[in-house]
Amino acid sequence: MKDDTLRIYRNRISAVLTHILQYLDRPLSLEALAVVAMFSPFHFHRVFKGQVGESVMDLVRRLKLERAGQTLIDSDRQIVSIALEAGYESHESFSRAFRTAFGESPSRFREIRKAVPPLPAPSGVHYSADGRLVGFVPISQRSSIMEGKILKLEQRRIFCLRHVGPYPEIGPAFGQLYQQALAQNPELMKSEWLAIFHDDPENTAPEKLRSDACVVIPEGVELKCEDGYRMDTIEAGSYATTRHIGSYMNLGRTWQEFVGTWIPAQGQKVRNGYCFEIYINDCQTTPEEQLITDLYEPVEPV
């Protein structure tokens, strides 16, 4: 099952990479690429980055710089024309990016280079003039030190407050939720506090991202819902989980490896349902490097 899952993920991401290579100069929306990959738009960016080691935007930027290097060697086109083709609005911005990537200015590169040195590519994918995909090695085929497990969760009732804006700025919503929930039932201090995420941060403007600050409500406990507060449910079922220790700022990388690498390596795929984080200790009193966050993703066998 694991081998079949890895093959499916490799085939789907290979189709996306081939599409990118063949249509490098066309608009490449994440929604359209998610359709090619047959993943939901919400999960696509994590799966892609987990398999390729780069976001779509970073990959496209690198491929265009590799193509620009080849064009510099193969033609006498003006550098400003090559810059525009690579997606840069000026000679200066292109030159800065090119020097950062290759260590030389475009003019110096054209003068001394006979071949384009490959830029760092975690998955081995490089620009090819004929649009063929060569050398792709999914990150999920390599060993991972991440630890996790698949388990069954019972249904959870949750009391929620919606936050709209960048995910790392959900803190004030938790502060309001804390005051409202404990005012109604002080025993909820002992309950699980978690966040649910609804939008793809690679494809949604930061100011429009939706997330929920939540606390789990025991059976038999009822709370009043007003001023934006609401009751919701985390459905029972199979979930993959892993533990993140350290700063919340590094959670994105843990989610990337978890969804894009660890889950497919277990013969699982993401299913519909809430993905969420449970916060094990208090960020107000715990040193940042000791913060504990448990990640949960609804899954099912492929």
Protein backbone atom coordinates (compact mmCIF):
# COMPACT_ATOMS: atom_id res chain seq x y z
CA MET A 1 0.00 0.00 0.00
CA LYS A 2 2.81 2.43 0.88
CA ASP A 3 4.57 1.77 -2.42
CA ASP A 4 1.29 2.26 -4.32
CA THR A 5 0.67 5.54 -2.49
CA LEU A 6 4.14 6.87 -3.21
CA ARG A 7 3.73 5.94 -6.87
CA ILE A 8 0.39 7.76 -7.03
CA TYR A 9 1.83 10.88 -5.42
CA ARG A 10 4.88 10.77 -7.69
CA ASN A 11 2.70 10.42 -10.82
CA ARG A 12 0.43 13.29 -9.81
CA ILE A 13 3.26 15.67 -8.94
CA SER A 14 5.15 14.60 -12.07
CA ALA A 15 2.13 15.65 -14.13
CA VAL A 16 2.19 19.06 -12.45
CA LEU A 17 5.93 19.48 -13.00
CA THR A 18 5.59 18.54 -16.66
CA HIS A 19 2.76 21.06 -17.02
CA ILE A 20 4.92 23.77 -15.46
CA LEU A 21 7.89 22.97 -17.70
CA GLN A 22 5.74 23.01 -20.84
CA TYR A 23 3.82 26.19 -19.97
CA LEU A 24 6.46 28.15 -18.10
CA ASP A 25 5.39 31.48 -19.60
CA ARG A 26 1.66 31.04 -19.05
CA PRO A 27 -0.23 31.97 -15.89
CA LEU A 28 0.06 29.04 -13.49
CA SER A 29 -2.68 29.36 -10.90
CA LEU A 30 -2.54 27.04 -7.92
CA GLU A 31 -6.19 26.13 -8.48
CA ALA A 32 -5.45 24.91 -12.01
CA LEU A 33 -2.35 23.02 -10.90
CA ALA A 34 -4.35 21.40 -8.09
CA VAL A 35 -6.74 20.10 -10.73
CA VAL A 36 -3.82 18.61 -12.67
CA ALA A 37 -2.58 16.97 -9.46
CA MET A 38 -6.07 15.81 -8.43
CA PHE A 39 -5.63 17.27 -4.96
CA SER A 40 -7.85 19.79 -3.24
CA PRO A 41 -6.62 23.39 -3.61
CA PHE A 42 -6.37 23.60 0.19
CA HIS A 43 -3.87 20.75 0.46
CA PHE A 44 -2.11 21.08 -2.90
CA HIS A 45 0.60 23.53 -1.85
CA ARG A 46 1.64 21.41 1.13
CA VAL A 47 1.71 18.20 -0.90
CA PHE A 48 3.64 19.90 -3.71
CA LYS A 49 6.19 21.51 -1.44
CA GLY A 50 6.52 18.34 0.59
CA GLN A 51 7.23 16.30 -2.57
CA VAL A 52 9.32 18.86 -4.48
CA GLY A 53 11.00 20.80 -1.66
CA GLU A 54 10.03 24.15 -3.21
CA SER A 55 6.82 26.09 -3.55
CA VAL A 56 5.38 26.46 -7.06
CA MET A 57 6.44 30.12 -7.06
CA ASP A 58 10.02 29.33 -6.01
CA LEU A 59 10.30 26.51 -8.55
CA VAL A 60 9.04 28.67 -11.43
CA ARG A 61 11.38 31.50 -10.44
CA ARG A 62 14.37 29.12 -10.43
CA LEU A 63 13.45 27.45 -13.73
CA LYS A 64 13.14 30.84 -15.42
CA LEU A 65 16.57 31.87 -14.11
CA GLU A 66 18.06 28.62 -15.42
CA ARG A 67 16.41 29.28 -18.79
CA ALA A 68 17.74 32.85 -18.75
CA GLY A 69 21.25 31.51 -18.19
CA GLN A 70 20.88 29.19 -21.17
CA THR A 71 19.54 32.03 -23.32
CA LEU A 72 22.50 34.22 -22.39
CA ILE A 73 24.86 31.51 -23.59
CA ASP A 74 22.95 30.52 -26.73
CA SER A 75 21.96 33.94 -28.09
CA ASP A 76 22.93 37.57 -28.35
CA ARG A 77 19.53 38.84 -27.19
CA GLN A 78 19.55 41.98 -25.10
CA ILE A 79 19.70 41.31 -21.38
CA VAL A 80 16.65 43.49 -20.73
CA SER A 81 14.63 41.26 -23.09
CA ILE A 82 15.78 38.14 -21.26
CA ALA A 83 14.93 39.83 -17.95
CA LEU A 84 11.37 40.53 -19.07
CA GLU A 85 10.95 36.95 -20.28
CA ALA A 86 12.12 35.74 -16.86
CA GLY A 87 9.41 37.81 -15.18
CA TYR A 88 11.48 40.78 -13.98
CA GLU A 89 10.36 44.34 -14.61
CA SER A 90 13.81 45.83 -14.96
CA HIS A 91 17.38 45.02 -15.88
CA GLU A 92 18.43 45.91 -12.32
CA SER A 93 16.04 43.56 -10.50
CA PHE A 94 16.93 40.73 -12.89
CA SER A 95 20.65 41.32 -12.42
CA ARG A 96 20.31 41.21 -8.63
CA ALA A 97 18.36 37.95 -8.74
CA PHE A 98 20.71 36.44 -11.32
CA ARG A 99 23.81 37.35 -9.32
CA THR A 100 22.28 35.90 -6.15
CA ALA A 101 21.54 32.65 -7.99
CA PHE A 102 24.70 32.22 -10.07
CA GLY A 103 27.25 34.44 -8.32
CA GLU A 104 27.88 36.51 -11.46
CA SER A 105 26.20 39.33 -13.35
CA PRO A 106 24.33 38.33 -16.53
CA SER A 107 26.93 40.08 -18.72
CA ARG A 108 29.84 38.33 -16.99
CA PHE A 109 27.98 35.00 -17.13
CA ARG A 110 27.51 35.39 -20.90
CA GLU A 111 31.18 36.21 -21.31
CA ILE A 112 32.72 33.27 -19.47
CA ARG A 113 30.17 30.44 -19.32
CA LYS A 114 29.84 27.59 -21.79
CA ALA A 115 27.15 25.73 -19.85
CA VAL A 116 24.63 26.63 -17.16
CA PRO A 117 25.64 25.39 -13.70
CA PRO A 118 22.62 23.73 -12.07
CA LEU A 119 21.04 25.69 -9.28
CA PRO A 120 20.18 23.87 -6.03
CA ALA A 121 17.08 21.75 -6.66
CA PRO A 122 15.83 19.59 -3.76
CA SER A 123 13.91 17.27 -6.12
CA GLY A 124 16.44 17.25 -8.98
CA VAL A 125 14.13 19.10 -11.41
CA HIS A 126 15.82 21.57 -13.77
CA TYR A 127 14.83 23.59 -16.82
CA SER A 128 14.69 21.66 -20.08
CA ALA A 129 14.18 23.37 -23.41
CA ASP A 130 11.93 20.59 -24.69
CA GLY A 131 9.68 20.63 -21.62
CA ARG A 132 10.54 17.08 -20.59
CA LEU A 133 10.69 16.16 -16.91
CA VAL A 134 14.03 14.53 -16.07
CA GLY A 135 15.59 13.57 -12.76
CA PHE A 136 12.60 14.05 -10.46
CA VAL A 137 13.15 12.37 -7.08
CA PRO A 138 10.23 13.04 -4.69
CA ILE A 139 11.25 14.04 -1.21
CA SER A 140 8.87 11.37 0.13
CA GLN A 141 11.14 8.66 -1.30
CA ARG A 142 13.89 9.73 1.06
CA SER A 143 14.14 8.82 4.70
CA SER A 144 12.41 11.13 7.18
CA ILE A 145 13.14 11.59 10.86
CA MET A 146 9.59 12.79 11.52
CA GLU A 147 7.63 10.66 13.95
CA GLY A 148 3.87 10.35 13.76
CA LYS A 149 0.98 7.95 13.99
CA ILE A 150 -2.46 7.20 12.58
CA LEU A 151 -5.24 7.05 15.14
CA LYS A 152 -8.99 7.16 15.54
CA LEU A 153 -10.53 10.24 17.14
CA GLU A 154 -13.95 10.47 18.69
CA GLN A 155 -16.18 13.40 17.80
CA ARG A 156 -15.31 16.65 19.55
CA ARG A 157 -17.68 19.55 20.28
CA ILE A 158 -15.90 22.88 20.07
CA PHE A 159 -16.63 26.50 20.99
CA CYS A 160 -15.10 28.77 18.34
CA LEU A 161 -14.27 32.35 17.44
CA ARG A 162 -13.37 33.17 13.82
CA HIS A 163 -10.12 35.00 13.00
CA VAL A 164 -9.67 36.58 9.56
CA GLY A 165 -6.12 37.58 8.72
CA PRO A 166 -2.60 36.09 8.77
CA TYR A 167 -2.56 32.78 10.60
CA PRO A 168 0.23 33.79 13.06
CA GLU A 169 -1.96 36.68 14.24
CA ILE A 170 -4.69 34.45 15.71
CA GLY A 171 -3.44 35.15 19.26
CA PRO A 172 -5.94 37.95 20.11
CA ALA A 173 -8.82 35.69 19.04
CA PHE A 174 -7.61 33.12 21.56
CA GLY A 175 -7.46 35.84 24.20
CA GLN A 176 -11.09 36.77 23.57
CA LEU A 177 -12.16 33.13 23.43
CA TYR A 178 -10.37 32.42 26.70
CA GLN A 179 -12.18 35.21 28.51
CA GLN A 180 -15.60 34.32 27.07
CA ALA A 181 -15.32 30.57 27.63
CA LEU A 182 -13.98 30.78 31.19
CA ALA A 183 -16.54 33.42 32.14
CA GLN A 184 -19.20 30.83 31.34
CA ASN A 185 -17.38 27.77 32.66
CA PRO A 186 -14.02 28.11 34.50
CA GLU A 187 -13.45 24.34 34.22
CA LEU A 188 -12.73 24.80 30.49
CA MET A 189 -9.24 25.96 31.47
CA LYS A 190 -8.42 22.24 31.67
CA SER A 191 -9.81 21.47 28.21
CA GLU A 192 -8.00 21.21 24.85
CA TRP A 193 -7.38 24.50 23.04
CA LEU A 194 -6.87 24.29 19.30
CA ALA A 195 -6.91 26.17 16.00
CA ILE A 196 -8.61 25.11 12.77
CA PHE A 197 -7.39 26.41 9.40
CA HIS A 198 -9.71 26.85 6.42
CA ASP A 199 -7.68 28.43 3.58
CA ASP A 200 -4.56 27.78 1.55
CA PRO A 201 -1.97 30.44 2.51
CA GLU A 202 -0.21 30.00 -0.84
CA ASN A 203 -3.38 30.91 -2.71
CA THR A 204 -5.23 33.30 -0.41
CA ALA A 205 -4.28 36.85 0.48
CA PRO A 206 -2.99 37.00 4.09
CA GLU A 207 -5.72 39.45 5.10
CA LYS A 208 -8.40 36.99 3.90
CA LEU A 209 -7.17 33.81 5.59
CA ARG A 210 -9.80 32.22 7.82
CA SER A 211 -9.01 30.31 10.98
CA ASP A 212 -10.86 29.47 14.20
CA ALA A 213 -9.66 29.69 17.77
CA CYS A 214 -11.41 26.83 19.59
CA VAL A 215 -11.79 25.04 22.90
CA VAL A 216 -13.17 21.52 23.26
CA ILE A 217 -16.48 21.39 25.17
CA PRO A 218 -17.21 18.28 27.28
CA GLU A 219 -20.51 16.49 26.85
CA GLY A 220 -23.25 18.02 28.94
CA VAL A 221 -21.68 21.49 28.97
CA GLU A 222 -23.59 24.21 27.13
CA LEU A 223 -22.34 27.71 26.30
CA LYS A 224 -24.14 30.77 24.99
CA CYS A 225 -23.13 31.74 21.47
CA GLU A 226 -23.28 35.46 20.68
CA ASP A 227 -21.10 38.22 19.19
CA GLY A 228 -19.43 35.92 16.65
CA TYR A 229 -18.97 32.86 18.87
CA ARG A 230 -20.37 29.55 17.65
CA MET A 231 -20.46 25.83 18.34
CA ASP A 232 -18.96 23.41 15.83
CA THR A 233 -17.88 19.78 15.59
CA ILE A 234 -14.67 17.96 14.71
CA GLU A 235 -15.95 14.76 13.18
CA ALA A 236 -14.88 11.35 14.41
CA GLY A 237 -12.57 9.36 12.15
CA SER A 238 -9.03 8.51 11.20
CA TYR A 239 -6.38 11.20 11.68
CA ALA A 240 -2.64 11.42 11.17
CA THR A 241 -0.83 13.26 13.94
CA THR A 242 2.68 14.44 14.68
CA ARG A 243 4.22 16.63 17.37
CA HIS A 244 6.01 19.94 16.77
CA ILE A 245 8.32 21.23 19.49
CA GLY A 246 9.51 24.84 19.32
CA SER A 247 8.44 28.16 17.88
CA TYR A 248 5.05 28.54 16.24
CA MET A 249 6.88 30.38 13.44
CA ASN A 250 8.31 27.05 12.24
CA LEU A 251 4.97 25.23 12.13
CA GLY A 252 4.65 25.79 8.37
CA ARG A 253 7.69 23.63 7.68
CA THR A 254 6.41 20.88 9.96
CA TRP A 255 3.00 20.92 8.20
CA GLN A 256 4.80 20.76 4.83
CA GLU A 257 6.77 17.62 5.70
CA PHE A 258 3.82 16.08 7.54
CA VAL A 259 1.26 16.42 4.73
CA GLY A 260 3.60 16.28 1.75
CA THR A 261 5.99 13.55 2.87
CA TRP A 262 5.07 11.65 6.03
CA ILE A 263 1.39 10.98 5.30
CA PRO A 264 1.91 9.53 1.79
CA ALA A 265 4.79 7.43 3.11
CA GLN A 266 2.24 5.74 5.41
CA GLY A 267 -0.01 4.71 2.51
CA GLN A 268 -2.52 7.41 3.42
CA LYS A 269 -4.11 10.37 1.67
CA VAL A 270 -5.81 13.46 3.04
CA ARG A 271 -9.60 13.29 3.22
CA ASN A 272 -12.20 16.00 3.74
CA GLY A 273 -12.38 17.38 7.25
CA TYR A 274 -10.77 19.89 9.55
CA CYS A 275 -7.01 20.01 9.95
CA PHE A 276 -6.07 21.51 13.28
CA GLU A 277 -3.38 22.19 15.88
CA ILE A 278 -3.75 21.40 19.59
CA TYR A 279 -1.62 23.57 21.87
CA ILE A 280 -0.28 21.46 24.72
CA ASN A 281 1.28 24.20 26.83
CA ASP A 282 0.74 27.92 27.40
CA CYS A 283 2.70 30.21 25.08
CA GLN A 284 2.43 32.99 27.68
CA THR A 285 4.41 31.07 30.32
CA THR A 286 6.45 28.54 28.28
CA PRO A 287 9.83 29.34 26.68
CA GLU A 288 9.47 29.42 22.89
CA GLU A 289 11.82 26.48 22.34
CA GLN A 290 9.70 24.33 24.68
CA LEU A 291 6.30 24.99 23.10
CA ILE A 292 4.47 21.77 22.16
CA THR A 293 1.94 21.65 19.33
CA ASP A 294 0.20 18.51 18.06
CA LEU A 295 -0.84 18.57 14.39
CA TYR A 296 -3.84 16.61 13.13
CA GLU A 297 -4.88 15.88 9.55
CA PRO A 298 -7.89 13.74 8.53
CA VAL A 299 -6.70 10.79 6.41
CA GLU A 300 -7.80 7.58 4.79
CA PRO A 301 -5.99 4.73 3.02
CA VAL A 302 -5.29 5.25 -0.67
